[in-house]
Amino acid sequence: MEILNTAAALQAQTEIWRQRGQRIGLVPTMGALHEGHLQLVRAAARECEVVVASIFVNPTQFNNPDDFRLYPRLPEADAALLAPAGCTALFLPSVEEMYPRPTALQFDFGALERVMEGEHRPGHFNGVATVVSKLFHLSRPHRAYFGQKDFQQVAIVRQLISDLSFDLTLVAFPTVREADGLAMSSRNRRLDATARALAPRLYQSLQLAEQLVRAGALSPAAVQAAVTEALASVPGLELEYIAVVDAHSLQPLTAWWPGRPVALCLAAHLGGVRLIDNVVVER
């Protein structure tokens, strides 16, 4: 596995791969890799001749300086995991390499970003779209792999690809979970033992919501209230939001629509760590 640190090096290597007719798969990450990331890399290796994984903790998508500062950074350990998973090249740039000058461009995804993460993290998706656009331009992938745990991010990137006519296919993989149901996340490393023991309650509350949605006896607002009540008893947990939305438009639901999938999304703070999760219900 080759390690590339500069945009120029990645562009030059991309041109070689393209000239050879090799299909390129891109797996963008912020590092502190876990099994969810590695599943994306393995999938890319099955479907493409070349796999590029990027590790870049992108400052422009953090609206909390402490969150950016504390985000786990383990490049050596990550590199050791990537090669056996089938990664061809690791793109490991510095902040200065990715942002040699301040970015003036501003993305606006309209109603798609004015809910959930976009509402609670102003500017977050502008930062995501900026760095993802840069990675797409530099690596020119045929396929790009993202985890469904970041449900709204996948929707934003899908819109980005469509609006800017990127010639690639987005591949979204289901959320990978620990044995107790907790969605795998790099931030889980920051949970202390007490918080880690309580964290599976998030997924349990979403499972409850899924059952209620399938039963169809309660309104979307009542389902939200049930999740809020279920999590109120978790010591030290602060629920930031629970959203019951149309899985395509991400807009809040006031009633159930037959045949339209429902996304149940939440964010919460536990032990000083912000966690997100979601479940999609096909109806």
Protein backbone atom coordinates (compact mmCIF):
# COMPACT_ATOMS: atom_id res chain seq x y z
CA MET A 1 0.00 0.00 0.00
CA GLU A 2 1.35 3.38 -1.04
CA ILE A 3 0.98 6.42 1.22
CA LEU A 4 0.41 9.73 -0.56
CA ASN A 5 0.64 13.00 1.34
CA THR A 6 0.09 15.63 -1.35
CA ALA A 7 -2.71 16.50 -3.74
CA ALA A 8 -0.25 16.50 -6.63
CA ALA A 9 0.90 12.96 -5.83
CA LEU A 10 -2.68 11.68 -5.68
CA GLN A 11 -3.61 13.41 -8.94
CA ALA A 12 -0.56 11.99 -10.71
CA GLN A 13 -1.28 8.48 -9.48
CA THR A 14 -4.96 8.84 -10.42
CA GLU A 15 -3.95 9.71 -13.98
CA ILE A 16 -1.82 6.55 -14.21
CA TRP A 17 -4.68 4.37 -12.97
CA ARG A 18 -7.13 6.00 -15.35
CA GLN A 19 -4.79 5.51 -18.33
CA ARG A 20 -4.54 1.83 -17.44
CA GLY A 21 -8.33 1.56 -17.46
CA GLN A 22 -8.47 0.63 -13.78
CA ARG A 23 -11.62 1.30 -11.79
CA ILE A 24 -11.00 3.46 -8.72
CA GLY A 25 -12.92 3.14 -5.48
CA LEU A 26 -12.71 5.92 -2.88
CA VAL A 27 -13.36 5.47 0.84
CA PRO A 28 -13.21 8.90 2.55
CA THR A 29 -12.62 8.72 6.32
CA MET A 30 -11.46 10.84 9.23
CA GLY A 31 -9.42 7.96 10.61
CA ALA A 32 -9.58 6.10 13.94
CA LEU A 33 -10.78 3.25 11.77
CA HIS A 34 -13.17 0.54 12.89
CA GLU A 35 -14.86 -2.43 11.28
CA GLY A 36 -17.43 -0.21 9.58
CA HIS A 37 -14.67 1.57 7.65
CA LEU A 38 -12.94 -1.70 6.81
CA GLN A 39 -16.14 -3.17 5.38
CA LEU A 40 -16.27 -0.22 2.99
CA VAL A 41 -12.65 -0.83 1.97
CA ARG A 42 -13.29 -4.53 1.40
CA ALA A 43 -16.36 -3.75 -0.69
CA ALA A 44 -14.35 -1.30 -2.78
CA ALA A 45 -11.63 -3.92 -3.27
CA ARG A 46 -14.21 -6.42 -4.53
CA GLU A 47 -15.66 -3.98 -7.04
CA CYS A 48 -12.64 -1.93 -8.15
CA GLU A 49 -9.07 -2.60 -9.22
CA VAL A 50 -7.77 0.32 -7.15
CA VAL A 51 -8.89 1.42 -3.68
CA VAL A 52 -8.01 4.84 -2.29
CA ALA A 53 -8.74 5.47 1.38
CA SER A 54 -8.35 8.99 2.68
CA ILE A 55 -7.72 9.95 6.28
CA PHE A 56 -8.30 13.61 6.97
CA VAL A 57 -9.83 15.18 10.07
CA ASN A 58 -11.52 18.02 8.24
CA PRO A 59 -11.58 21.21 10.35
CA THR A 60 -14.23 22.93 8.24
CA GLN A 61 -16.96 20.46 9.24
CA PHE A 62 -16.49 20.93 12.99
CA ASN A 63 -18.44 23.71 14.65
CA ASN A 64 -17.14 22.70 18.08
CA PRO A 65 -13.37 23.37 18.48
CA ASP A 66 -13.11 20.89 21.35
CA ASP A 67 -14.67 18.15 19.23
CA PHE A 68 -12.07 18.79 16.52
CA ARG A 69 -9.21 18.88 19.03
CA LEU A 70 -10.29 15.65 20.76
CA TYR A 71 -11.14 13.68 17.64
CA PRO A 72 -8.96 10.53 17.78
CA ARG A 73 -5.98 10.50 15.42
CA LEU A 74 -4.22 7.14 14.90
CA PRO A 75 -2.63 7.24 11.43
CA GLU A 76 -0.05 4.50 12.01
CA ALA A 77 -2.58 2.06 13.44
CA ASP A 78 -5.05 2.95 10.68
CA ALA A 79 -2.48 2.29 7.95
CA ALA A 80 -1.79 -1.14 9.43
CA LEU A 81 -5.50 -1.99 9.15
CA LEU A 82 -6.01 -0.67 5.63
CA ALA A 83 -3.45 -2.74 3.72
CA PRO A 84 -4.85 -6.18 4.67
CA ALA A 85 -8.37 -4.94 3.83
CA GLY A 86 -7.36 -4.32 0.23
CA CYS A 87 -6.41 -0.65 0.18
CA THR A 88 -4.11 0.28 -2.71
CA ALA A 89 -3.23 3.82 -1.60
CA LEU A 90 -3.73 5.86 1.54
CA PHE A 91 -4.17 9.59 1.03
CA LEU A 92 -2.96 11.23 4.23
CA PRO A 93 -2.78 15.00 3.69
CA SER A 94 -2.19 17.82 6.16
CA VAL A 95 -4.67 20.62 6.75
CA GLU A 96 -2.33 22.98 4.87
CA GLU A 97 -2.28 20.61 1.91
CA MET A 98 -6.06 20.43 1.68
CA TYR A 99 -6.61 24.11 2.45
CA PRO A 100 -3.62 26.12 1.19
CA ARG A 101 -5.88 29.17 1.44
CA PRO A 102 -9.25 29.85 3.08
CA THR A 103 -12.19 28.54 1.07
CA ALA A 104 -14.67 31.17 -0.09
CA LEU A 105 -17.12 28.77 -1.75
CA GLN A 106 -20.35 28.15 0.18
CA PHE A 107 -22.70 25.22 -0.42
CA ASP A 108 -26.40 25.44 0.32
CA PHE A 109 -28.43 22.25 0.13
CA GLY A 110 -31.71 23.92 1.02
CA ALA A 111 -34.27 21.97 3.01
CA LEU A 112 -32.06 18.87 2.93
CA GLU A 113 -29.60 20.43 5.37
CA ARG A 114 -31.90 22.59 7.49
CA VAL A 115 -32.93 19.67 9.68
CA MET A 116 -31.23 17.35 12.14
CA GLU A 117 -27.42 17.64 11.85
CA GLY A 118 -27.62 20.78 9.72
CA GLU A 119 -29.89 22.48 12.21
CA HIS A 120 -27.74 21.63 15.21
CA ARG A 121 -24.33 21.98 13.54
CA PRO A 122 -24.40 25.14 11.41
CA GLY A 123 -21.86 25.03 8.60
CA HIS A 124 -21.22 21.31 9.04
CA PHE A 125 -22.45 20.22 5.63
CA ASN A 126 -20.71 23.09 3.87
CA GLY A 127 -17.47 21.65 5.28
CA VAL A 128 -18.44 18.12 4.30
CA ALA A 129 -19.34 19.14 0.74
CA THR A 130 -16.13 21.14 0.38
CA VAL A 131 -13.78 18.36 1.41
CA VAL A 132 -15.70 15.64 -0.43
CA SER A 133 -15.62 17.73 -3.61
CA LYS A 134 -11.86 18.12 -3.24
CA LEU A 135 -11.42 14.37 -2.73
CA PHE A 136 -13.58 13.60 -5.76
CA HIS A 137 -11.58 15.97 -7.94
CA LEU A 138 -8.22 14.66 -6.74
CA SER A 139 -8.93 10.92 -6.89
CA ARG A 140 -11.50 10.87 -9.73
CA PRO A 141 -13.15 7.70 -8.41
CA HIS A 142 -15.60 5.54 -10.30
CA ARG A 143 -17.28 4.57 -7.03
CA ALA A 144 -17.31 6.29 -3.62
CA TYR A 145 -18.21 4.38 -0.44
CA PHE A 146 -19.98 5.88 2.58
CA GLY A 147 -21.55 4.42 5.73
CA GLN A 148 -25.28 4.74 6.31
CA LYS A 149 -24.71 5.68 9.97
CA ASP A 150 -24.19 9.22 8.72
CA PHE A 151 -27.61 9.11 7.08
CA GLN A 152 -28.01 12.80 6.34
CA GLN A 153 -24.43 13.06 5.09
CA VAL A 154 -25.14 10.34 2.52
CA ALA A 155 -28.17 12.30 1.30
CA ILE A 156 -26.09 15.48 1.06
CA VAL A 157 -23.29 13.76 -0.87
CA ARG A 158 -25.83 12.16 -3.21
CA GLN A 159 -27.22 15.64 -3.94
CA LEU A 160 -23.70 16.99 -4.40
CA ILE A 161 -22.90 14.30 -6.96
CA SER A 162 -26.10 15.04 -8.85
CA ASP A 163 -25.85 18.83 -8.78
CA LEU A 164 -22.19 19.00 -9.81
CA SER A 165 -22.40 16.09 -12.28
CA PHE A 166 -19.61 14.06 -10.72
CA ASP A 167 -19.11 10.99 -12.90
CA LEU A 168 -19.21 8.41 -10.15
CA THR A 169 -21.54 6.08 -8.26
CA LEU A 170 -22.24 6.54 -4.57
CA VAL A 171 -22.35 3.28 -2.62
CA ALA A 172 -23.97 3.45 0.83
CA PHE A 173 -23.39 0.55 3.24
CA PRO A 174 -25.62 -0.33 6.21
CA THR A 175 -24.54 0.73 9.68
CA VAL A 176 -22.12 -1.70 11.31
CA ARG A 177 -22.85 -2.34 14.98
CA GLU A 178 -21.14 -3.74 18.03
CA ALA A 179 -22.54 -6.95 19.50
CA ASP A 180 -24.70 -4.92 21.90
CA GLY A 181 -26.13 -2.78 19.08
CA LEU A 182 -24.08 0.38 19.46
CA ALA A 183 -23.34 1.88 16.06
CA MET A 184 -19.60 1.72 15.38
CA SER A 185 -18.04 5.17 15.45
CA SER A 186 -14.58 6.61 15.88
CA ARG A 187 -16.00 8.70 18.72
CA ASN A 188 -16.82 5.56 20.70
CA ARG A 189 -13.15 5.46 21.70
CA ARG A 190 -13.79 8.52 23.85
CA LEU A 191 -16.54 6.88 25.92
CA ASP A 192 -15.55 5.92 29.45
CA ALA A 193 -16.68 2.56 30.85
CA THR A 194 -19.88 3.95 32.36
CA ALA A 195 -20.94 5.79 29.21
CA ARG A 196 -20.01 2.82 27.02
CA ALA A 197 -22.27 0.56 29.08
CA LEU A 198 -25.18 2.97 28.61
CA ALA A 199 -24.61 3.83 24.95
CA PRO A 200 -26.54 0.84 23.50
CA ARG A 201 -29.70 2.43 24.90
CA LEU A 202 -29.66 4.73 21.87
CA TYR A 203 -30.16 1.85 19.45
CA GLN A 204 -32.66 0.22 21.78
CA SER A 205 -34.75 3.38 21.70
CA LEU A 206 -34.63 3.37 17.89
CA GLN A 207 -35.73 -0.26 17.86
CA LEU A 208 -38.68 0.75 20.02
CA ALA A 209 -39.49 3.55 17.58
CA GLU A 210 -39.26 1.13 14.66
CA GLN A 211 -41.80 -1.17 16.31
CA LEU A 212 -44.14 1.75 16.89
CA VAL A 213 -43.82 2.93 13.29
CA ARG A 214 -44.55 -0.54 11.94
CA ALA A 215 -47.59 -0.85 14.22
CA GLY A 216 -48.87 2.46 12.85
CA ALA A 217 -51.08 3.21 15.85
CA LEU A 218 -49.17 6.32 16.97
CA SER A 219 -48.47 9.55 15.13
CA PRO A 220 -44.89 10.59 14.25
CA ALA A 221 -45.01 13.11 17.13
CA ALA A 222 -46.06 10.37 19.54
CA VAL A 223 -43.21 8.15 18.36
CA GLN A 224 -40.78 11.00 19.04
CA ALA A 225 -42.27 11.44 22.51
CA ALA A 226 -41.89 7.71 23.23
CA VAL A 227 -38.18 7.79 22.34
CA THR A 228 -37.65 10.93 24.40
CA GLU A 229 -39.31 9.27 27.37
CA ALA A 230 -37.31 6.06 26.95
CA LEU A 231 -34.01 7.95 26.96
CA ALA A 232 -34.94 10.30 29.80
CA SER A 233 -34.05 7.59 32.31
CA VAL A 234 -30.50 7.10 31.01
CA PRO A 235 -28.12 8.75 33.51
CA GLY A 236 -26.06 11.57 32.03
CA LEU A 237 -27.61 11.33 28.56
CA GLU A 238 -28.68 14.56 26.89
CA LEU A 239 -30.90 13.99 23.87
CA GLU A 240 -30.17 16.61 21.23
CA TYR A 241 -32.87 15.52 18.83
CA ILE A 242 -35.03 12.61 17.74
CA ALA A 243 -36.41 13.07 14.24
CA VAL A 244 -39.04 11.08 12.37
CA VAL A 245 -38.55 12.04 8.73
CA ASP A 246 -39.21 11.01 5.16
CA ALA A 247 -36.19 8.89 4.24
CA HIS A 248 -35.85 10.61 0.86
CA SER A 249 -36.53 14.28 1.56
CA LEU A 250 -35.45 14.18 5.24
CA GLN A 251 -38.40 16.41 6.07
CA PRO A 252 -40.28 15.85 9.33
CA LEU A 253 -43.41 13.73 9.09
CA THR A 254 -46.75 14.74 10.54
CA ALA A 255 -48.51 11.60 9.23
CA TRP A 256 -47.62 8.23 7.75
CA TRP A 257 -47.55 7.82 3.97
CA PRO A 258 -48.03 4.27 2.68
CA GLY A 259 -45.09 3.01 0.68
CA ARG A 260 -42.74 5.79 1.81
CA PRO A 261 -39.75 4.71 3.93
CA VAL A 262 -39.29 6.46 7.26
CA ALA A 263 -35.94 7.42 8.79
CA LEU A 264 -35.64 7.57 12.56
CA CYS A 265 -32.58 9.66 13.42
CA LEU A 266 -31.19 10.83 16.73
CA ALA A 267 -28.23 12.61 18.27
CA ALA A 268 -27.31 12.62 21.94
CA HIS A 269 -24.47 13.57 24.26
CA LEU A 270 -23.27 10.87 26.63
CA GLY A 271 -20.24 11.22 28.86
CA GLY A 272 -19.17 14.33 26.96
CA VAL A 273 -19.28 12.50 23.59
CA ARG A 274 -21.75 13.29 20.83
CA LEU A 275 -23.25 10.16 19.24
CA ILE A 276 -25.64 9.74 16.31
CA ASP A 277 -27.63 6.78 15.03
CA ASN A 278 -30.53 6.00 12.74
CA VAL A 279 -32.87 3.27 11.56
CA VAL A 280 -34.76 3.23 8.26
CA VAL A 281 -38.20 1.62 8.26
CA GLU A 282 -39.66 0.41 5.00
CA ARG A 283 -43.46 0.69 5.09
